[in-house]
Amino acid sequence: MYWLVVMIAFLILLVLCQFSLAWLKQRDVHVNRWIWGVAAFLIVIVPHLIWHQIPTVIDTGLYLLCAVFAVNFMIEQHSYIQAFNEKHS
């Protein structure tokens, strides 16, 4: 049961990331994929370096943002590789 909930949560995260990237591109906001990748780690590391005691609610929100940024990085990297392969094939 636990793994089913984890899988469904990941699928929901993936769908939300797809919609958020489409929404950003629709408004001509293009974020470099490496910004997503670096931000995924920094969004968690920097607050923990600044404050040693972070409330659980804020910490959970930071980890959720980390997951969103990491999935956005993977989606952008995949689309970059696909475009590169189409261009050079």
C-alpha atoms as a PDB file:
ATOM      1  CA  MET A   1       0.000   0.000   0.000  1.00  0.00           C
ATOM      2  CA  TYR A   2       2.856   2.371   0.878  1.00  0.00           C
ATOM      3  CA  TRP A   3       4.541   1.993  -2.511  1.00  0.00           C
ATOM      4  CA  LEU A   4       1.260   2.531  -4.304  1.00  0.00           C
ATOM      5  CA  VAL A   5       0.846   5.870  -2.519  1.00  0.00           C
ATOM      6  CA  VAL A   6       4.452   6.810  -3.349  1.00  0.00           C
ATOM      7  CA  MET A   7       3.941   5.923  -7.023  1.00  0.00           C
ATOM      8  CA  ILE A   8       0.699   7.901  -7.258  1.00  0.00           C
ATOM      9  CA  ALA A   9       2.351  10.889  -5.531  1.00  0.00           C
ATOM     10  CA  PHE A  10       5.242  10.765  -8.003  1.00  0.00           C
ATOM     11  CA  LEU A  11       2.866  10.602 -10.968  1.00  0.00           C
ATOM     12  CA  ILE A  12       0.958  13.598  -9.614  1.00  0.00           C
ATOM     13  CA  LEU A  13       4.269  15.439  -9.189  1.00  0.00           C
ATOM     14  CA  LEU A  14       5.259  14.585 -12.753  1.00  0.00           C
ATOM     15  CA  VAL A  15       1.956  15.831 -14.169  1.00  0.00           C
ATOM     16  CA  LEU A  16       2.133  19.048 -12.140  1.00  0.00           C
ATOM     17  CA  CYS A  17       5.674  19.674 -13.367  1.00  0.00           C
ATOM     18  CA  GLN A  18       4.636  19.104 -16.977  1.00  0.00           C
ATOM     19  CA  PHE A  19       1.782  21.585 -16.598  1.00  0.00           C
ATOM     20  CA  SER A  20       3.972  24.147 -14.830  1.00  0.00           C
ATOM     21  CA  LEU A  21       6.632  23.987 -17.563  1.00  0.00           C
ATOM     22  CA  ALA A  22       3.975  24.288 -20.275  1.00  0.00           C
ATOM     23  CA  TRP A  23       2.468  27.268 -18.434  1.00  0.00           C
ATOM     24  CA  LEU A  24       5.885  28.959 -18.199  1.00  0.00           C
ATOM     25  CA  LYS A  25       6.659  28.340 -21.882  1.00  0.00           C
ATOM     26  CA  GLN A  26       3.239  29.647 -22.853  1.00  0.00           C
ATOM     27  CA  ARG A  27       4.204  32.950 -21.199  1.00  0.00           C
ATOM     28  CA  ASP A  28       7.655  32.939 -22.867  1.00  0.00           C
ATOM     29  CA  VAL A  29       9.509  32.240 -19.637  1.00  0.00           C
ATOM     30  CA  HIS A  30      12.471  30.037 -20.467  1.00  0.00           C
ATOM     31  CA  VAL A  31      14.496  28.828 -17.488  1.00  0.00           C
ATOM     32  CA  ASN A  32      17.802  27.159 -18.287  1.00  0.00           C
ATOM     33  CA  ARG A  33      17.784  23.503 -17.292  1.00  0.00           C
ATOM     34  CA  TRP A  34      20.909  23.973 -15.176  1.00  0.00           C
ATOM     35  CA  ILE A  35      19.143  26.648 -13.128  1.00  0.00           C
ATOM     36  CA  TRP A  36      16.478  24.038 -12.296  1.00  0.00           C
ATOM     37  CA  GLY A  37      19.181  21.518 -11.367  1.00  0.00           C
ATOM     38  CA  VAL A  38      21.169  23.849  -9.125  1.00  0.00           C
ATOM     39  CA  ALA A  39      18.036  25.331  -7.545  1.00  0.00           C
ATOM     40  CA  ALA A  40      16.807  21.840  -6.648  1.00  0.00           C
ATOM     41  CA  PHE A  41      19.682  21.427  -4.212  1.00  0.00           C
ATOM     42  CA  LEU A  42      20.146  25.021  -3.112  1.00  0.00           C
ATOM     43  CA  ILE A  43      16.477  25.395  -2.131  1.00  0.00           C
ATOM     44  CA  VAL A  44      17.131  22.869   0.640  1.00  0.00           C
ATOM     45  CA  ILE A  45      20.799  23.473   1.485  1.00  0.00           C
ATOM     46  CA  VAL A  46      20.836  27.273   1.891  1.00  0.00           C
ATOM     47  CA  PRO A  47      18.005  27.554   4.440  1.00  0.00           C
ATOM     48  CA  HIS A  48      19.536  24.733   6.496  1.00  0.00           C
ATOM     49  CA  LEU A  49      22.886  26.526   6.503  1.00  0.00           C
ATOM     50  CA  ILE A  50      21.290  29.791   7.618  1.00  0.00           C
ATOM     51  CA  TRP A  51      18.830  28.441  10.203  1.00  0.00           C
ATOM     52  CA  HIS A  52      19.558  25.329  12.207  1.00  0.00           C
ATOM     53  CA  GLN A  53      15.989  24.827  13.415  1.00  0.00           C
ATOM     54  CA  ILE A  54      13.469  24.905  10.580  1.00  0.00           C
ATOM     55  CA  PRO A  55       9.821  24.091  11.320  1.00  0.00           C
ATOM     56  CA  THR A  56       8.604  20.825   9.833  1.00  0.00           C
ATOM     57  CA  VAL A  57       5.972  22.541   7.670  1.00  0.00           C
ATOM     58  CA  ILE A  58       8.555  24.822   6.047  1.00  0.00           C
ATOM     59  CA  ASP A  59      11.009  21.942   5.691  1.00  0.00           C
ATOM     60  CA  THR A  60       8.357  19.847   3.961  1.00  0.00           C
ATOM     61  CA  GLY A  61       7.618  22.726   1.590  1.00  0.00           C
ATOM     62  CA  LEU A  62      11.319  23.085   0.786  1.00  0.00           C
ATOM     63  CA  TYR A  63      11.593  19.369   0.009  1.00  0.00           C
ATOM     64  CA  LEU A  64       8.521  19.578  -2.230  1.00  0.00           C
ATOM     65  CA  LEU A  65      10.073  22.500  -4.110  1.00  0.00           C
ATOM     66  CA  CYS A  66      13.280  20.491  -4.375  1.00  0.00           C
ATOM     67  CA  ALA A  67      11.335  17.630  -5.960  1.00  0.00           C
ATOM     68  CA  VAL A  68       9.561  19.978  -8.386  1.00  0.00           C
ATOM     69  CA  PHE A  69      12.825  21.640  -9.445  1.00  0.00           C
ATOM     70  CA  ALA A  70      14.576  18.270  -9.853  1.00  0.00           C
ATOM     71  CA  VAL A  71      11.770  16.851 -12.000  1.00  0.00           C
ATOM     72  CA  ASN A  72      11.707  20.074 -14.056  1.00  0.00           C
ATOM     73  CA  PHE A  73      15.447  19.660 -14.624  1.00  0.00           C
ATOM     74  CA  MET A  74      14.948  16.084 -15.819  1.00  0.00           C
ATOM     75  CA  ILE A  75      12.088  17.073 -18.140  1.00  0.00           C
ATOM     76  CA  GLU A  76      14.095  19.960 -19.622  1.00  0.00           C
ATOM     77  CA  GLN A  77      17.181  17.764 -20.034  1.00  0.00           C
ATOM     78  CA  HIS A  78      15.118  15.124 -21.809  1.00  0.00           C
ATOM     79  CA  SER A  79      13.633  17.676 -24.217  1.00  0.00           C
ATOM     80  CA  TYR A  80      17.101  19.147 -24.847  1.00  0.00           C
ATOM     81  CA  ILE A  81      18.527  15.714 -25.697  1.00  0.00           C
ATOM     82  CA  GLN A  82      15.573  14.955 -27.966  1.00  0.00           C
ATOM     83  CA  ALA A  83      16.034  18.245 -29.848  1.00  0.00           C
ATOM     84  CA  PHE A  84      19.774  17.610 -30.123  1.00  0.00           C
ATOM     85  CA  ASN A  85      19.239  14.107 -31.501  1.00  0.00           C
ATOM     86  CA  GLU A  86      16.665  15.328 -34.036  1.00  0.00           C
ATOM     87  CA  LYS A  87      18.988  18.104 -35.159  1.00  0.00           C
ATOM     88  CA  HIS A  88      21.987  15.783 -35.618  1.00  0.00           C
ATOM     89  CA  SER A  89      20.247  12.760 -37.107  1.00  0.00           C
END
